[in-house]
């Protein structure tokens, strides 16, 4: 019996997805990667803004 038009049986789908522990590790790794990307992006934005706003800080003080 095939699953929802994917061309695979429920057993094949379960084998491809892996164990619950493996799925949990993969999920955690994806979440960690997403958080690190946000932190990196925010740091980069702050860096760019500090460079762009530096001339204005001198004028204001």
C-alpha atoms as a PDB file:
ATOM      1  CA  UNK A   1       0.000   0.000   0.000  1.00  0.00           C
ATOM      2  CA  UNK A   2       1.437   3.345  -1.046  1.00  0.00           C
ATOM      3  CA  UNK A   3       1.345   6.495   1.093  1.00  0.00           C
ATOM      4  CA  UNK A   4      -0.429   9.601  -0.268  1.00  0.00           C
ATOM      5  CA  UNK A   5       0.995   9.651  -3.792  1.00  0.00           C
ATOM      6  CA  UNK A   6       4.646   9.593  -2.665  1.00  0.00           C
ATOM      7  CA  UNK A   7       5.295   6.170  -4.216  1.00  0.00           C
ATOM      8  CA  UNK A   8       6.528   4.604  -0.973  1.00  0.00           C
ATOM      9  CA  UNK A   9       5.062   2.182   1.523  1.00  0.00           C
ATOM     10  CA  UNK A  10       4.601   3.090   5.198  1.00  0.00           C
ATOM     11  CA  UNK A  11       7.569   0.837   6.037  1.00  0.00           C
ATOM     12  CA  UNK A  12       9.812   2.646   3.550  1.00  0.00           C
ATOM     13  CA  UNK A  13       8.731   6.016   4.877  1.00  0.00           C
ATOM     14  CA  UNK A  14       9.462   4.974   8.477  1.00  0.00           C
ATOM     15  CA  UNK A  15      12.886   3.641   7.455  1.00  0.00           C
ATOM     16  CA  UNK A  16      13.727   6.872   5.625  1.00  0.00           C
ATOM     17  CA  UNK A  17      12.696   9.079   8.561  1.00  0.00           C
ATOM     18  CA  UNK A  18      14.746   7.089  11.064  1.00  0.00           C
ATOM     19  CA  UNK A  19      14.202   6.421  14.731  1.00  0.00           C
ATOM     20  CA  UNK A  20      12.558   8.823  17.161  1.00  0.00           C
ATOM     21  CA  UNK A  21      15.970   9.573  18.686  1.00  0.00           C
ATOM     22  CA  UNK A  22      17.455  10.353  15.266  1.00  0.00           C
ATOM     23  CA  UNK A  23      14.516  12.615  14.387  1.00  0.00           C
ATOM     24  CA  UNK A  24      14.911  14.408  17.719  1.00  0.00           C
ATOM     25  CA  UNK A  25      18.614  15.015  17.127  1.00  0.00           C
ATOM     26  CA  UNK A  26      17.939  16.227  13.596  1.00  0.00           C
ATOM     27  CA  UNK A  27      15.198  18.553  14.847  1.00  0.00           C
ATOM     28  CA  UNK A  28      17.473  19.969  17.543  1.00  0.00           C
ATOM     29  CA  UNK A  29      20.279  20.490  15.032  1.00  0.00           C
ATOM     30  CA  UNK A  30      17.923  22.365  12.682  1.00  0.00           C
ATOM     31  CA  UNK A  31      16.700  24.598  15.512  1.00  0.00           C
ATOM     32  CA  UNK A  32      20.259  25.327  16.655  1.00  0.00           C
ATOM     33  CA  UNK A  33      21.286  26.179  13.095  1.00  0.00           C
ATOM     34  CA  UNK A  34      18.348  28.570  12.771  1.00  0.00           C
ATOM     35  CA  UNK A  35      19.227  30.310  16.048  1.00  0.00           C
ATOM     36  CA  UNK A  36      22.874  30.656  15.058  1.00  0.00           C
ATOM     37  CA  UNK A  37      21.859  32.161  11.694  1.00  0.00           C
ATOM     38  CA  UNK A  38      19.707  34.752  13.480  1.00  0.00           C
ATOM     39  CA  UNK A  39      22.529  35.636  15.874  1.00  0.00           C
ATOM     40  CA  UNK A  40      25.005  35.907  12.989  1.00  0.00           C
ATOM     41  CA  UNK A  41      22.604  38.059  10.951  1.00  0.00           C
ATOM     42  CA  UNK A  42      21.905  40.373  13.884  1.00  0.00           C
ATOM     43  CA  UNK A  43      25.626  40.766  14.586  1.00  0.00           C
ATOM     44  CA  UNK A  44      26.262  41.581  10.930  1.00  0.00           C
ATOM     45  CA  UNK A  45      23.445  44.153  10.876  1.00  0.00           C
ATOM     46  CA  UNK A  46      24.796  45.797  14.032  1.00  0.00           C
ATOM     47  CA  UNK A  47      28.278  45.885  12.509  1.00  0.00           C
ATOM     48  CA  UNK A  48      27.037  47.493   9.285  1.00  0.00           C
ATOM     49  CA  UNK A  49      24.917  50.012  11.168  1.00  0.00           C
ATOM     50  CA  UNK A  50      27.842  50.953  13.405  1.00  0.00           C
ATOM     51  CA  UNK A  51      29.942  51.693  10.317  1.00  0.00           C
ATOM     52  CA  UNK A  52      27.159  53.596   8.577  1.00  0.00           C
ATOM     53  CA  UNK A  53      26.214  55.644  11.641  1.00  0.00           C
ATOM     54  CA  UNK A  54      29.765  56.495  12.747  1.00  0.00           C
ATOM     55  CA  UNK A  55      29.920  59.790  10.794  1.00  0.00           C
ATOM     56  CA  UNK A  56      26.621  60.914  12.327  1.00  0.00           C
ATOM     57  CA  UNK A  57      27.794  60.186  15.865  1.00  0.00           C
ATOM     58  CA  UNK A  58      30.704  62.593  15.434  1.00  0.00           C
ATOM     59  CA  UNK A  59      28.376  65.312  14.134  1.00  0.00           C
ATOM     60  CA  UNK A  60      25.920  64.921  16.980  1.00  0.00           C
ATOM     61  CA  UNK A  61      28.487  65.071  19.808  1.00  0.00           C
END
